[in-house]
């Protein structure tokens, strides 16, 4: 095998917002939900679950939506790199 195998990205509700901020696609989902964590001083200390509960959101649903979005993006990138390697 010549290409690198990309690991599936998984976010879980125990992760800190500061760790999730590494993933722009995850942040897009959070912004749509009203979680504007980038500017919050608690981002380094608060978990995704805590933030969701404070904003009246179901953490499991938010995690599912984020992971779906992240891995959908990963599949697109994987497909593009396969197409590029065939050329």
PDB file of N, CA and C in Angstrom:
ATOM      1  N   UNK A   1       0.836  -1.172   0.000  1.00  0.00           N
ATOM      2  CA  UNK A   1       0.000   0.000   0.000  1.00  0.00           C
ATOM      3  C   UNK A   1       0.888   1.244   0.000  1.00  0.00           C
ATOM      4  N   UNK A   2       0.562   2.204  -0.831  1.00  0.00           N
ATOM      5  CA  UNK A   2       1.429   3.370  -0.953  1.00  0.00           C
ATOM      6  C   UNK A   2       0.913   4.606  -0.243  1.00  0.00           C
ATOM      7  N   UNK A   3      -0.373   4.716  -0.020  1.00  0.00           N
ATOM      8  CA  UNK A   3      -0.943   5.915   0.596  1.00  0.00           C
ATOM      9  C   UNK A   3      -1.054   5.787   2.106  1.00  0.00           C
ATOM     10  N   UNK A   4      -1.140   6.929   2.743  1.00  0.00           N
ATOM     11  CA  UNK A   4      -1.344   6.930   4.183  1.00  0.00           C
ATOM     12  C   UNK A   4      -2.802   6.626   4.487  1.00  0.00           C
ATOM     13  N   UNK A   5      -3.021   5.865   5.526  1.00  0.00           N
ATOM     14  CA  UNK A   5      -4.377   5.563   5.959  1.00  0.00           C
ATOM     15  C   UNK A   5      -4.753   6.600   7.007  1.00  0.00           C
ATOM     16  N   UNK A   6      -5.826   7.331   6.724  1.00  0.00           N
ATOM     17  CA  UNK A   6      -6.259   8.355   7.669  1.00  0.00           C
ATOM     18  C   UNK A   6      -7.142   7.724   8.730  1.00  0.00           C
ATOM     19  N   UNK A   7      -6.898   8.141   9.965  1.00  0.00           N
ATOM     20  CA  UNK A   7      -7.715   7.666  11.065  1.00  0.00           C
ATOM     21  C   UNK A   7      -9.042   8.412  11.063  1.00  0.00           C
ATOM     22  N   UNK A   8     -10.067   7.714  11.452  1.00  0.00           N
ATOM     23  CA  UNK A   8     -11.378   8.323  11.575  1.00  0.00           C
ATOM     24  C   UNK A   8     -11.337   9.306  12.748  1.00  0.00           C
ATOM     25  N   UNK A   9     -11.836  10.504  12.527  1.00  0.00           N
ATOM     26  CA  UNK A   9     -11.858  11.519  13.569  1.00  0.00           C
ATOM     27  C   UNK A   9     -13.095  11.294  14.429  1.00  0.00           C
ATOM     28  N   UNK A  10     -12.892  11.214  15.723  1.00  0.00           N
ATOM     29  CA  UNK A  10     -14.013  11.047  16.631  1.00  0.00           C
ATOM     30  C   UNK A  10     -13.934  12.055  17.765  1.00  0.00           C
ATOM     31  N   UNK A  11     -15.007  12.766  17.931  1.00  0.00           N
ATOM     32  CA  UNK A  11     -15.149  13.708  19.036  1.00  0.00           C
ATOM     33  C   UNK A  11     -16.057  13.026  20.046  1.00  0.00           C
ATOM     34  N   UNK A  12     -15.764  13.191  21.333  1.00  0.00           N
ATOM     35  CA  UNK A  12     -16.696  12.675  22.333  1.00  0.00           C
ATOM     36  C   UNK A  12     -17.034  13.777  23.325  1.00  0.00           C
ATOM     37  N   UNK A  13     -18.088  13.561  24.071  1.00  0.00           N
ATOM     38  CA  UNK A  13     -18.616  14.617  24.929  1.00  0.00           C
ATOM     39  C   UNK A  13     -17.724  14.937  26.124  1.00  0.00           C
ATOM     40  N   UNK A  14     -16.723  14.116  26.382  1.00  0.00           N
ATOM     41  CA  UNK A  14     -15.811  14.390  27.491  1.00  0.00           C
ATOM     42  C   UNK A  14     -14.635  15.287  27.070  1.00  0.00           C
ATOM     43  N   UNK A  15     -14.564  15.595  25.777  1.00  0.00           N
ATOM     44  CA  UNK A  15     -13.453  16.431  25.282  1.00  0.00           C
ATOM     45  C   UNK A  15     -13.671  17.889  25.660  1.00  0.00           C
ATOM     46  N   UNK A  16     -12.569  18.572  25.914  1.00  0.00           N
ATOM     47  CA  UNK A  16     -12.616  20.001  26.195  1.00  0.00           C
ATOM     48  C   UNK A  16     -12.857  20.777  24.906  1.00  0.00           C
ATOM     49  N   UNK A  17     -13.542  21.903  25.031  1.00  0.00           N
ATOM     50  CA  UNK A  17     -13.776  22.741  23.857  1.00  0.00           C
ATOM     51  C   UNK A  17     -12.454  23.152  23.214  1.00  0.00           C
ATOM     52  N   UNK A  18     -11.446  23.412  24.035  1.00  0.00           N
ATOM     53  CA  UNK A  18     -10.152  23.836  23.488  1.00  0.00           C
ATOM     54  C   UNK A  18      -9.547  22.764  22.583  1.00  0.00           C
ATOM     55  N   UNK A  19      -9.844  21.498  22.836  1.00  0.00           N
ATOM     56  CA  UNK A  19      -9.350  20.409  21.977  1.00  0.00           C
ATOM     57  C   UNK A  19     -10.194  20.281  20.708  1.00  0.00           C
ATOM     58  N   UNK A  20     -11.477  20.544  20.830  1.00  0.00           N
ATOM     59  CA  UNK A  20     -12.379  20.439  19.685  1.00  0.00           C
ATOM     60  C   UNK A  20     -12.145  21.573  18.690  1.00  0.00           C
ATOM     61  N   UNK A  21     -11.648  22.699  19.182  1.00  0.00           N
ATOM     62  CA  UNK A  21     -11.429  23.864  18.320  1.00  0.00           C
ATOM     63  C   UNK A  21     -10.396  23.614  17.226  1.00  0.00           C
ATOM     64  N   UNK A  22      -9.672  22.521  17.306  1.00  0.00           N
ATOM     65  CA  UNK A  22      -8.691  22.162  16.268  1.00  0.00           C
ATOM     66  C   UNK A  22      -9.376  21.770  14.959  1.00  0.00           C
ATOM     67  N   UNK A  23     -10.668  21.493  15.040  1.00  0.00           N
ATOM     68  CA  UNK A  23     -11.424  21.000  13.892  1.00  0.00           C
ATOM     69  C   UNK A  23     -12.435  22.053  13.431  1.00  0.00           C
ATOM     70  N   UNK A  24     -12.109  22.803  12.386  1.00  0.00           N
ATOM     71  CA  UNK A  24     -13.012  23.856  11.908  1.00  0.00           C
ATOM     72  C   UNK A  24     -14.420  23.359  11.592  1.00  0.00           C
ATOM     73  N   UNK A  25     -14.545  22.162  11.055  1.00  0.00           N
ATOM     74  CA  UNK A  25     -15.870  21.621  10.727  1.00  0.00           C
ATOM     75  C   UNK A  25     -16.688  21.383  12.002  1.00  0.00           C
ATOM     76  N   UNK A  26     -16.024  20.981  13.059  1.00  0.00           N
ATOM     77  CA  UNK A  26     -16.720  20.792  14.340  1.00  0.00           C
ATOM     78  C   UNK A  26     -17.207  22.133  14.866  1.00  0.00           C
ATOM     79  N   UNK A  27     -16.384  23.149  14.713  1.00  0.00           N
ATOM     80  CA  UNK A  27     -16.762  24.479  15.191  1.00  0.00           C
ATOM     81  C   UNK A  27     -17.955  25.024  14.416  1.00  0.00           C
ATOM     82  N   UNK A  28     -18.043  24.700  13.141  1.00  0.00           N
ATOM     83  CA  UNK A  28     -19.199  25.136  12.347  1.00  0.00           C
ATOM     84  C   UNK A  28     -20.492  24.586  12.943  1.00  0.00           C
ATOM     85  N   UNK A  29     -20.470  23.317  13.340  1.00  0.00           N
ATOM     86  CA  UNK A  29     -21.654  22.700  13.949  1.00  0.00           C
ATOM     87  C   UNK A  29     -21.972  23.396  15.268  1.00  0.00           C
ATOM     88  N   UNK A  30     -20.951  23.638  16.071  1.00  0.00           N
ATOM     89  CA  UNK A  30     -21.172  24.278  17.366  1.00  0.00           C
ATOM     90  C   UNK A  30     -21.740  25.687  17.209  1.00  0.00           C
ATOM     91  N   UNK A  31     -21.222  26.436  16.245  1.00  0.00           N
ATOM     92  CA  UNK A  31     -21.727  27.794  16.007  1.00  0.00           C
ATOM     93  C   UNK A  31     -23.201  27.762  15.613  1.00  0.00           C
ATOM     94  N   UNK A  32     -23.562  26.821  14.759  1.00  0.00           N
ATOM     95  CA  UNK A  32     -24.963  26.699  14.335  1.00  0.00           C
ATOM     96  C   UNK A  32     -25.886  26.384  15.521  1.00  0.00           C
ATOM     97  N   UNK A  33     -25.336  25.711  16.518  1.00  0.00           N
ATOM     98  CA  UNK A  33     -26.107  25.354  17.708  1.00  0.00           C
ATOM     99  C   UNK A  33     -26.109  26.470  18.756  1.00  0.00           C
ATOM    100  N   UNK A  34     -25.383  27.539  18.485  1.00  0.00           N
ATOM    101  CA  UNK A  34     -25.318  28.652  19.435  1.00  0.00           C
ATOM    102  C   UNK A  34     -24.209  28.540  20.458  1.00  0.00           C
ATOM    103  N   UNK A  35     -23.299  27.602  20.254  1.00  0.00           N
ATOM    104  CA  UNK A  35     -22.159  27.436  21.153  1.00  0.00           C
ATOM    105  C   UNK A  35     -20.960  28.187  20.558  1.00  0.00           C
ATOM    106  N   UNK A  36     -20.774  29.394  20.993  1.00  0.00           N
ATOM    107  CA  UNK A  36     -19.698  30.253  20.472  1.00  0.00           C
ATOM    108  C   UNK A  36     -18.507  30.181  21.429  1.00  0.00           C
ATOM    109  N   UNK A  37     -17.904  29.033  21.474  1.00  0.00           N
ATOM    110  CA  UNK A  37     -16.904  28.705  22.488  1.00  0.00           C
ATOM    111  C   UNK A  37     -15.539  29.334  22.257  1.00  0.00           C
ATOM    112  N   UNK A  38     -15.252  29.746  21.069  1.00  0.00           N
ATOM    113  CA  UNK A  38     -13.932  30.282  20.758  1.00  0.00           C
ATOM    114  C   UNK A  38     -13.596  31.463  21.660  1.00  0.00           C
ATOM    115  N   UNK A  39     -14.553  32.328  21.888  1.00  0.00           N
ATOM    116  CA  UNK A  39     -14.295  33.517  22.696  1.00  0.00           C
ATOM    117  C   UNK A  39     -14.539  33.330  24.181  1.00  0.00           C
ATOM    118  N   UNK A  40     -14.924  32.157  24.596  1.00  0.00           N
ATOM    119  CA  UNK A  40     -15.266  31.922  25.998  1.00  0.00           C
ATOM    120  C   UNK A  40     -14.031  31.544  26.809  1.00  0.00           C
ATOM    121  N   UNK A  41     -13.901  32.164  27.951  1.00  0.00           N
ATOM    122  CA  UNK A  41     -12.741  31.861  28.807  1.00  0.00           C
ATOM    123  C   UNK A  41     -12.822  30.454  29.401  1.00  0.00           C
ATOM    124  N   UNK A  42     -13.987  29.841  29.369  1.00  0.00           N
ATOM    125  CA  UNK A  42     -14.147  28.490  29.918  1.00  0.00           C
ATOM    126  C   UNK A  42     -13.757  27.395  28.921  1.00  0.00           C
ATOM    127  N   UNK A  43     -13.437  27.758  27.697  1.00  0.00           N
ATOM    128  CA  UNK A  43     -13.142  26.757  26.662  1.00  0.00           C
ATOM    129  C   UNK A  43     -12.009  25.815  27.055  1.00  0.00           C
ATOM    130  N   UNK A  44     -11.092  26.287  27.873  1.00  0.00           N
ATOM    131  CA  UNK A  44      -9.964  25.441  28.285  1.00  0.00           C
ATOM    132  C   UNK A  44     -10.319  24.501  29.423  1.00  0.00           C
ATOM    133  N   UNK A  45     -11.464  24.727  30.039  1.00  0.00           N
ATOM    134  CA  UNK A  45     -11.824  23.957  31.226  1.00  0.00           C
ATOM    135  C   UNK A  45     -13.129  23.183  31.100  1.00  0.00           C
ATOM    136  N   UNK A  46     -13.945  23.547  30.134  1.00  0.00           N
ATOM    137  CA  UNK A  46     -15.287  22.987  30.022  1.00  0.00           C
ATOM    138  C   UNK A  46     -15.345  21.904  28.950  1.00  0.00           C
ATOM    139  N   UNK A  47     -16.049  20.820  29.256  1.00  0.00           N
ATOM    140  CA  UNK A  47     -16.220  19.745  28.277  1.00  0.00           C
ATOM    141  C   UNK A  47     -17.383  20.079  27.346  1.00  0.00           C
ATOM    142  N   UNK A  48     -17.426  19.380  26.245  1.00  0.00           N
ATOM    143  CA  UNK A  48     -18.526  19.544  25.302  1.00  0.00           C
ATOM    144  C   UNK A  48     -19.854  19.232  25.993  1.00  0.00           C
ATOM    145  N   UNK A  49     -19.868  18.199  26.804  1.00  0.00           N
ATOM    146  CA  UNK A  49     -21.094  17.832  27.516  1.00  0.00           C
ATOM    147  C   UNK A  49     -21.555  18.968  28.436  1.00  0.00           C
ATOM    148  N   UNK A  50     -20.646  19.540  29.200  1.00  0.00           N
ATOM    149  CA  UNK A  50     -21.006  20.628  30.106  1.00  0.00           C
ATOM    150  C   UNK A  50     -21.568  21.823  29.337  1.00  0.00           C
ATOM    151  N   UNK A  51     -20.909  22.170  28.245  1.00  0.00           N
ATOM    152  CA  UNK A  51     -21.366  23.300  27.447  1.00  0.00           C
ATOM    153  C   UNK A  51     -22.740  23.060  26.845  1.00  0.00           C
ATOM    154  N   UNK A  52     -22.954  21.853  26.341  1.00  0.00           N
ATOM    155  CA  UNK A  52     -24.254  21.518  25.762  1.00  0.00           C
ATOM    156  C   UNK A  52     -25.353  21.611  26.808  1.00  0.00           C
ATOM    157  N   UNK A  53     -25.097  21.042  27.970  1.00  0.00           N
ATOM    158  CA  UNK A  53     -26.106  21.055  29.022  1.00  0.00           C
ATOM    159  C   UNK A  53     -26.406  22.478  29.494  1.00  0.00           C
ATOM    160  N   UNK A  54     -25.391  23.316  29.560  1.00  0.00           N
ATOM    161  CA  UNK A  54     -25.591  24.713  29.976  1.00  0.00           C
ATOM    162  C   UNK A  54     -26.438  25.481  28.959  1.00  0.00           C
ATOM    163  N   UNK A  55     -26.401  25.045  27.717  1.00  0.00           N
ATOM    164  CA  UNK A  55     -27.153  25.709  26.645  1.00  0.00           C
ATOM    165  C   UNK A  55     -28.432  24.952  26.275  1.00  0.00           C
ATOM    166  N   UNK A  56     -28.780  23.940  27.075  1.00  0.00           N
ATOM    167  CA  UNK A  56     -30.023  23.202  26.852  1.00  0.00           C
ATOM    168  C   UNK A  56     -30.002  22.279  25.647  1.00  0.00           C
ATOM    169  N   UNK A  57     -28.812  21.800  25.288  1.00  0.00           N
ATOM    170  CA  UNK A  57     -28.669  20.906  24.138  1.00  0.00           C
ATOM    171  C   UNK A  57     -28.367  19.485  24.598  1.00  0.00           C
ATOM    172  N   UNK A  58     -28.760  18.518  23.790  1.00  0.00           N
ATOM    173  CA  UNK A  58     -28.461  17.117  24.060  1.00  0.00           C
ATOM    174  C   UNK A  58     -27.037  16.835  23.584  1.00  0.00           C
ATOM    175  N   UNK A  59     -26.113  16.558  24.515  1.00  0.00           N
ATOM    176  CA  UNK A  59     -24.708  16.353  24.126  1.00  0.00           C
ATOM    177  C   UNK A  59     -24.502  15.196  23.151  1.00  0.00           C
ATOM    178  N   UNK A  60     -25.284  14.114  23.306  1.00  0.00           N
ATOM    179  CA  UNK A  60     -25.114  12.959  22.420  1.00  0.00           C
ATOM    180  C   UNK A  60     -25.493  13.295  20.980  1.00  0.00           C
ATOM    181  N   UNK A  61     -26.553  14.081  20.824  1.00  0.00           N
ATOM    182  CA  UNK A  61     -26.957  14.488  19.477  1.00  0.00           C
ATOM    183  C   UNK A  61     -25.921  15.414  18.855  1.00  0.00           C
ATOM    184  N   UNK A  62     -25.389  16.329  19.648  1.00  0.00           N
ATOM    185  CA  UNK A  62     -24.375  17.267  19.138  1.00  0.00           C
ATOM    186  C   UNK A  62     -23.119  16.501  18.731  1.00  0.00           C
ATOM    187  N   UNK A  63     -22.688  15.563  19.562  1.00  0.00           N
ATOM    188  CA  UNK A  63     -21.512  14.732  19.245  1.00  0.00           C
ATOM    189  C   UNK A  63     -21.743  13.968  17.946  1.00  0.00           C
ATOM    190  N   UNK A  64     -22.922  13.379  17.795  1.00  0.00           N
ATOM    191  CA  UNK A  64     -23.241  12.636  16.576  1.00  0.00           C
ATOM    192  C   UNK A  64     -23.182  13.513  15.339  1.00  0.00           C
ATOM    193  N   UNK A  65     -23.724  14.718  15.465  1.00  0.00           N
ATOM    194  CA  UNK A  65     -23.719  15.640  14.335  1.00  0.00           C
ATOM    195  C   UNK A  65     -22.300  16.086  13.968  1.00  0.00           C
ATOM    196  N   UNK A  66     -21.496  16.350  14.989  1.00  0.00           N
ATOM    197  CA  UNK A  66     -20.098  16.756  14.746  1.00  0.00           C
ATOM    198  C   UNK A  66     -19.335  15.625  14.063  1.00  0.00           C
ATOM    199  N   UNK A  67     -19.427  14.417  14.601  1.00  0.00           N
ATOM    200  CA  UNK A  67     -18.682  13.291  14.026  1.00  0.00           C
ATOM    201  C   UNK A  67     -19.134  12.979  12.605  1.00  0.00           C
ATOM    202  N   UNK A  68     -20.413  13.098  12.364  1.00  0.00           N
ATOM    203  CA  UNK A  68     -20.921  12.888  11.001  1.00  0.00           C
ATOM    204  C   UNK A  68     -20.299  13.912  10.053  1.00  0.00           C
ATOM    205  N   UNK A  69     -20.266  15.157  10.480  1.00  0.00           N
ATOM    206  CA  UNK A  69     -19.711  16.233   9.649  1.00  0.00           C
ATOM    207  C   UNK A  69     -18.207  16.047   9.429  1.00  0.00           C
ATOM    208  N   UNK A  70     -17.484  15.723  10.495  1.00  0.00           N
ATOM    209  CA  UNK A  70     -16.034  15.547  10.378  1.00  0.00           C
ATOM    210  C   UNK A  70     -15.673  14.391   9.461  1.00  0.00           C
ATOM    211  N   UNK A  71     -16.359  13.287   9.604  1.00  0.00           N
ATOM    212  CA  UNK A  71     -16.003  12.101   8.831  1.00  0.00           C
ATOM    213  C   UNK A  71     -16.555  12.149   7.419  1.00  0.00           C
ATOM    214  N   UNK A  72     -17.586  12.913   7.193  1.00  0.00           N
ATOM    215  CA  UNK A  72     -18.062  13.158   5.823  1.00  0.00           C
ATOM    216  C   UNK A  72     -16.992  13.933   5.068  1.00  0.00           C
ATOM    217  N   UNK A  73     -16.413  14.919   5.736  1.00  0.00           N
ATOM    218  CA  UNK A  73     -15.333  15.703   5.151  1.00  0.00           C
ATOM    219  C   UNK A  73     -14.121  14.816   4.896  1.00  0.00           C
ATOM    220  N   UNK A  74     -13.807  13.942   5.840  1.00  0.00           N
ATOM    221  CA  UNK A  74     -12.662  13.048   5.686  1.00  0.00           C
ATOM    222  C   UNK A  74     -12.849  12.124   4.491  1.00  0.00           C
ATOM    223  N   UNK A  75     -14.075  11.632   4.275  1.00  0.00           N
ATOM    224  CA  UNK A  75     -14.340  10.757   3.135  1.00  0.00           C
ATOM    225  C   UNK A  75     -14.149  11.502   1.820  1.00  0.00           C
ATOM    226  N   UNK A  76     -14.582  12.769   1.774  1.00  0.00           N
ATOM    227  CA  UNK A  76     -14.397  13.559   0.559  1.00  0.00           C
ATOM    228  C   UNK A  76     -12.917  13.732   0.262  1.00  0.00           C
ATOM    229  N   UNK A  77     -12.137  14.033   1.291  1.00  0.00           N
ATOM    230  CA  UNK A  77     -10.700  14.211   1.110  1.00  0.00           C
ATOM    231  C   UNK A  77     -10.044  12.908   0.673  1.00  0.00           C
ATOM    232  N   UNK A  78     -10.500  11.797   1.223  1.00  0.00           N
ATOM    233  CA  UNK A  78      -9.966  10.482   0.873  1.00  0.00           C
ATOM    234  C   UNK A  78     -10.235  10.186  -0.603  1.00  0.00           C
ATOM    235  N   UNK A  79     -11.458  10.497  -1.055  1.00  0.00           N
ATOM    236  CA  UNK A  79     -11.828  10.268  -2.438  1.00  0.00           C
ATOM    237  C   UNK A  79     -10.981  11.119  -3.376  1.00  0.00           C
ATOM    238  N   UNK A  80     -10.766  12.381  -2.998  1.00  0.00           N
ATOM    239  CA  UNK A  80      -9.943  13.278  -3.814  1.00  0.00           C
ATOM    240  C   UNK A  80      -8.519  12.761  -3.925  1.00  0.00           C
ATOM    241  N   UNK A  81      -7.959  12.277  -2.803  1.00  0.00           N
ATOM    242  CA  UNK A  81      -6.572  11.810  -2.858  1.00  0.00           C
ATOM    243  C   UNK A  81      -6.465  10.517  -3.648  1.00  0.00           C
ATOM    244  N   UNK A  82      -7.495   9.663  -3.641  1.00  0.00           N
ATOM    245  CA  UNK A  82      -7.490   8.453  -4.464  1.00  0.00           C
ATOM    246  C   UNK A  82      -7.505   8.824  -5.943  1.00  0.00           C
ATOM    247  N   UNK A  83      -8.349   9.813  -6.282  1.00  0.00           N
ATOM    248  CA  UNK A  83      -8.447  10.260  -7.683  1.00  0.00           C
ATOM    249  C   UNK A  83      -7.125  10.865  -8.153  1.00  0.00           C
ATOM    250  N   UNK A  84      -6.490  11.627  -7.287  1.00  0.00           N
ATOM    251  CA  UNK A  84      -5.219  12.272  -7.628  1.00  0.00           C
ATOM    252  C   UNK A  84      -4.118  11.234  -7.824  1.00  0.00           C
ATOM    253  N   UNK A  85      -4.152  10.146  -7.017  1.00  0.00           N
ATOM    254  CA  UNK A  85      -3.104   9.124  -7.134  1.00  0.00           C
ATOM    255  C   UNK A  85      -3.259   8.286  -8.399  1.00  0.00           C
ATOM    256  N   UNK A  86      -4.459   8.244  -8.983  1.00  0.00           N
ATOM    257  CA  UNK A  86      -4.688   7.488 -10.203  1.00  0.00           C
ATOM    258  C   UNK A  86      -4.138   8.206 -11.426  1.00  0.00           C
ATOM    259  N   UNK A  87      -3.963   9.519 -11.307  1.00  0.00           N
ATOM    260  CA  UNK A  87      -3.480  10.314 -12.447  1.00  0.00           C
ATOM    261  C   UNK A  87      -2.026  10.190 -12.683  1.00  0.00           C
TER     262      UNK A  87
END
